[in-house]
Every structure is written in C-alpha cells, then in structure tokens.
Amino acid sequence: MPGHWEGDLISGSNNTYMATLVERASRFVMLVKVDGKDTNSVVGALKRRIQSLPDGLTRSLTWDRGTEMAQHKQITLAT
C-alpha cells in the first residue's frame, strides 16, 4: 500500500545535511536539504516536503531513534 515512508539523515562534509525519504512500495526517493541536524531544522524541512505530497501518500513515516526527530509530533500534527 503506497504512502508508508522510511527516513534517515545523512551527514556530509563541512556540516551539511540531507534527509532521505523512501516510499516503501515504489521505492521512490526524495532528498530534503536541511540547514542543520537539530530537531527544528529537520522537522521543519520534513513538514514542508510532506505537506506537498498528495493526501494518499502520507500514511506513515518510520525514522530511527536519532535526536533530530525529537519533535516528531509536529510532523503528525502538520500532516
């Protein structure tokens, strides 16, 4: 069933960060540029990206237990 996503944060050189979102059924990948690895930056960028998706494609998001998702409830409320 489409709409279930897996996410992770990738750290690059010079303190650059990118969030990945992979849709489980289709394996469609979205890359989300984030300003930092703090929870406000990551959650804010993910909220904006997820809100741009059609309604049927926003069923769930699975993330690891990193501190960047400490405010994960904001994503749930926004989407």
N, C-alpha and C. Protein backbone atom coordinates (compact mmCIF):
# COMPACT_ATOMS: atom_id res chain seq x y z
N MET A 1 0.85 -1.17 0.00
CA MET A 1 0.00 0.00 0.00
C MET A 1 0.90 1.24 0.00
N PRO A 2 0.75 2.12 -0.95
CA PRO A 2 1.58 3.32 -1.01
C PRO A 2 1.31 4.28 0.15
N GLY A 3 2.32 5.08 0.46
CA GLY A 3 2.16 6.12 1.47
C GLY A 3 2.92 5.88 2.75
N HIS A 4 3.65 4.76 2.82
CA HIS A 4 4.45 4.47 4.01
C HIS A 4 5.91 4.76 3.67
N TRP A 5 6.54 5.60 4.47
CA TRP A 5 7.87 6.13 4.18
C TRP A 5 8.88 5.72 5.24
N GLU A 6 10.13 5.61 4.82
CA GLU A 6 11.27 5.43 5.72
C GLU A 6 12.15 6.67 5.57
N GLY A 7 12.69 7.17 6.66
CA GLY A 7 13.52 8.36 6.59
C GLY A 7 14.81 8.21 7.35
N ASP A 8 15.79 8.98 6.94
CA ASP A 8 17.07 8.99 7.63
C ASP A 8 17.77 10.31 7.34
N LEU A 9 18.75 10.64 8.16
CA LEU A 9 19.52 11.87 7.99
C LEU A 9 20.93 11.49 7.58
N ILE A 10 21.43 12.13 6.54
CA ILE A 10 22.79 11.89 6.04
C ILE A 10 23.62 13.12 6.36
N SER A 11 24.80 12.89 6.94
CA SER A 11 25.73 13.97 7.24
C SER A 11 26.80 14.01 6.18
N GLY A 12 27.05 15.19 5.63
CA GLY A 12 28.08 15.36 4.61
C GLY A 12 29.27 16.14 5.16
N SER A 13 30.13 16.54 4.27
CA SER A 13 31.30 17.30 4.69
C SER A 13 30.90 18.74 5.00
N ASN A 14 31.72 19.41 5.76
CA ASN A 14 31.50 20.83 6.10
C ASN A 14 30.16 21.09 6.76
N ASN A 15 29.72 20.18 7.63
CA ASN A 15 28.46 20.33 8.36
C ASN A 15 27.26 20.53 7.44
N THR A 16 27.14 19.72 6.39
CA THR A 16 25.98 19.74 5.52
C THR A 16 25.14 18.50 5.81
N TYR A 17 23.82 18.64 5.63
CA TYR A 17 22.91 17.56 5.98
C TYR A 17 21.82 17.42 4.93
N MET A 18 21.38 16.17 4.74
CA MET A 18 20.33 15.85 3.79
C MET A 18 19.46 14.77 4.42
N ALA A 19 18.15 14.96 4.39
CA ALA A 19 17.23 13.93 4.85
C ALA A 19 16.78 13.12 3.63
N THR A 20 16.66 11.83 3.81
CA THR A 20 16.14 10.98 2.74
C THR A 20 14.78 10.46 3.15
N LEU A 21 13.87 10.42 2.21
CA LEU A 21 12.56 9.81 2.40
C LEU A 21 12.37 8.79 1.28
N VAL A 22 12.12 7.54 1.65
CA VAL A 22 11.94 6.48 0.67
C VAL A 22 10.54 5.90 0.85
N GLU A 23 9.73 5.93 -0.20
CA GLU A 23 8.40 5.35 -0.16
C GLU A 23 8.56 3.83 -0.30
N ARG A 24 8.02 3.08 0.63
CA ARG A 24 8.30 1.64 0.71
C ARG A 24 7.76 0.83 -0.46
N ALA A 25 6.60 1.15 -0.97
CA ALA A 25 6.01 0.33 -2.03
C ALA A 25 6.71 0.55 -3.37
N SER A 26 6.93 1.80 -3.73
CA SER A 26 7.50 2.12 -5.04
C SER A 26 9.02 2.30 -4.99
N ARG A 27 9.57 2.48 -3.79
CA ARG A 27 10.99 2.79 -3.56
C ARG A 27 11.36 4.17 -4.13
N PHE A 28 10.38 5.03 -4.31
CA PHE A 28 10.60 6.40 -4.75
C PHE A 28 11.37 7.14 -3.66
N VAL A 29 12.41 7.87 -4.05
CA VAL A 29 13.28 8.54 -3.09
C VAL A 29 13.14 10.05 -3.23
N MET A 30 12.99 10.73 -2.10
CA MET A 30 13.03 12.19 -2.07
C MET A 30 14.18 12.61 -1.18
N LEU A 31 14.94 13.59 -1.63
CA LEU A 31 16.02 14.16 -0.84
C LEU A 31 15.57 15.53 -0.35
N VAL A 32 15.77 15.78 0.92
CA VAL A 32 15.32 17.03 1.53
C VAL A 32 16.54 17.72 2.15
N LYS A 33 16.89 18.88 1.62
CA LYS A 33 18.02 19.63 2.18
C LYS A 33 17.59 20.24 3.50
N VAL A 34 18.42 20.05 4.52
CA VAL A 34 18.14 20.63 5.84
C VAL A 34 19.32 21.51 6.24
N ASP A 35 19.04 22.55 7.00
CA ASP A 35 20.07 23.52 7.38
C ASP A 35 21.00 23.00 8.46
N GLY A 36 20.54 22.07 9.28
CA GLY A 36 21.37 21.53 10.36
C GLY A 36 20.78 20.24 10.85
N LYS A 37 21.46 19.59 11.79
CA LYS A 37 20.95 18.32 12.29
C LYS A 37 20.09 18.48 13.54
N ASP A 38 19.84 19.72 13.94
CA ASP A 38 18.98 19.96 15.10
C ASP A 38 17.53 19.64 14.75
N THR A 39 16.75 19.35 15.76
CA THR A 39 15.38 18.90 15.54
C THR A 39 14.52 19.96 14.83
N ASN A 40 14.72 21.24 15.12
CA ASN A 40 13.92 22.27 14.46
C ASN A 40 14.17 22.32 12.96
N SER A 41 15.41 22.21 12.56
CA SER A 41 15.76 22.24 11.13
C SER A 41 15.21 21.03 10.40
N VAL A 42 15.41 19.85 10.98
CA VAL A 42 14.99 18.61 10.32
C VAL A 42 13.47 18.51 10.25
N VAL A 43 12.81 18.72 11.37
CA VAL A 43 11.35 18.61 11.40
C VAL A 43 10.71 19.67 10.51
N GLY A 44 11.22 20.89 10.52
CA GLY A 44 10.67 21.95 9.67
C GLY A 44 10.78 21.62 8.20
N ALA A 45 11.94 21.13 7.77
CA ALA A 45 12.13 20.77 6.36
C ALA A 45 11.24 19.59 5.96
N LEU A 46 11.10 18.60 6.84
CA LEU A 46 10.26 17.44 6.53
C LEU A 46 8.79 17.82 6.46
N LYS A 47 8.35 18.70 7.37
CA LYS A 47 6.95 19.13 7.33
C LYS A 47 6.63 19.79 5.99
N ARG A 48 7.51 20.69 5.54
CA ARG A 48 7.27 21.37 4.27
C ARG A 48 7.21 20.38 3.11
N ARG A 49 8.12 19.41 3.10
CA ARG A 49 8.15 18.45 1.99
C ARG A 49 6.95 17.51 2.03
N ILE A 50 6.61 17.01 3.20
CA ILE A 50 5.50 16.06 3.32
C ILE A 50 4.18 16.74 2.99
N GLN A 51 4.01 18.00 3.37
CA GLN A 51 2.78 18.71 3.07
C GLN A 51 2.57 18.92 1.58
N SER A 52 3.63 18.81 0.79
CA SER A 52 3.50 18.98 -0.66
C SER A 52 3.05 17.70 -1.36
N LEU A 53 2.98 16.58 -0.64
CA LEU A 53 2.56 15.31 -1.22
C LEU A 53 1.04 15.21 -1.29
N PRO A 54 0.51 14.44 -2.25
CA PRO A 54 -0.94 14.20 -2.29
C PRO A 54 -1.39 13.47 -1.01
N ASP A 55 -2.64 13.63 -0.64
CA ASP A 55 -3.17 13.08 0.61
C ASP A 55 -2.96 11.57 0.75
N GLY A 56 -3.12 10.81 -0.29
CA GLY A 56 -3.00 9.36 -0.21
C GLY A 56 -1.59 8.86 0.00
N LEU A 57 -0.62 9.74 -0.10
CA LEU A 57 0.77 9.31 0.04
C LEU A 57 1.40 9.70 1.37
N THR A 58 0.58 9.97 2.36
CA THR A 58 1.12 10.40 3.66
C THR A 58 0.54 9.55 4.80
N ARG A 59 0.73 8.26 4.71
CA ARG A 59 0.17 7.37 5.73
C ARG A 59 1.06 7.24 6.96
N SER A 60 2.35 6.98 6.78
CA SER A 60 3.24 6.82 7.94
C SER A 60 4.67 7.17 7.57
N LEU A 61 5.46 7.47 8.60
CA LEU A 61 6.89 7.75 8.44
C LEU A 61 7.63 7.01 9.54
N THR A 62 8.58 6.16 9.16
CA THR A 62 9.42 5.44 10.11
C THR A 62 10.81 6.06 10.09
N TRP A 63 11.30 6.41 11.26
CA TRP A 63 12.60 7.06 11.39
C TRP A 63 13.36 6.34 12.49
N ASP A 64 14.69 6.42 12.47
CA ASP A 64 15.45 5.82 13.55
C ASP A 64 15.29 6.66 14.82
N ARG A 65 15.99 6.32 15.86
CA ARG A 65 15.79 7.00 17.15
C ARG A 65 16.73 8.17 17.35
N GLY A 66 17.12 8.84 16.30
CA GLY A 66 18.02 9.98 16.41
C GLY A 66 17.36 11.18 17.06
N THR A 67 18.18 12.03 17.66
CA THR A 67 17.64 13.21 18.35
C THR A 67 17.07 14.24 17.38
N GLU A 68 17.39 14.12 16.09
CA GLU A 68 16.86 15.08 15.11
C GLU A 68 15.34 14.98 14.98
N MET A 69 14.75 13.90 15.46
CA MET A 69 13.29 13.75 15.37
C MET A 69 12.62 13.88 16.74
N ALA A 70 13.24 14.58 17.66
CA ALA A 70 12.68 14.75 19.00
C ALA A 70 11.30 15.42 18.95
N GLN A 71 11.06 16.25 17.96
CA GLN A 71 9.77 16.94 17.84
C GLN A 71 8.90 16.31 16.75
N HIS A 72 8.94 15.00 16.64
CA HIS A 72 8.22 14.29 15.59
C HIS A 72 6.70 14.52 15.65
N LYS A 73 6.18 14.85 16.80
CA LYS A 73 4.73 15.09 16.90
C LYS A 73 4.30 16.28 16.07
N GLN A 74 5.20 17.23 15.82
CA GLN A 74 4.88 18.39 14.97
C GLN A 74 4.58 17.94 13.54
N ILE A 75 5.28 16.93 13.05
CA ILE A 75 5.02 16.41 11.71
C ILE A 75 3.63 15.79 11.67
N THR A 76 3.30 15.01 12.70
CA THR A 76 1.99 14.37 12.75
C THR A 76 0.87 15.41 12.76
N LEU A 77 1.02 16.45 13.55
CA LEU A 77 0.00 17.49 13.63
C LEU A 77 -0.11 18.27 12.32
N ALA A 78 1.01 18.51 11.65
CA ALA A 78 1.01 19.30 10.43
C ALA A 78 0.50 18.53 9.22
N THR A 79 0.59 17.21 9.28
CA THR A 79 0.19 16.42 8.11
C THR A 79 -1.03 15.60 8.39
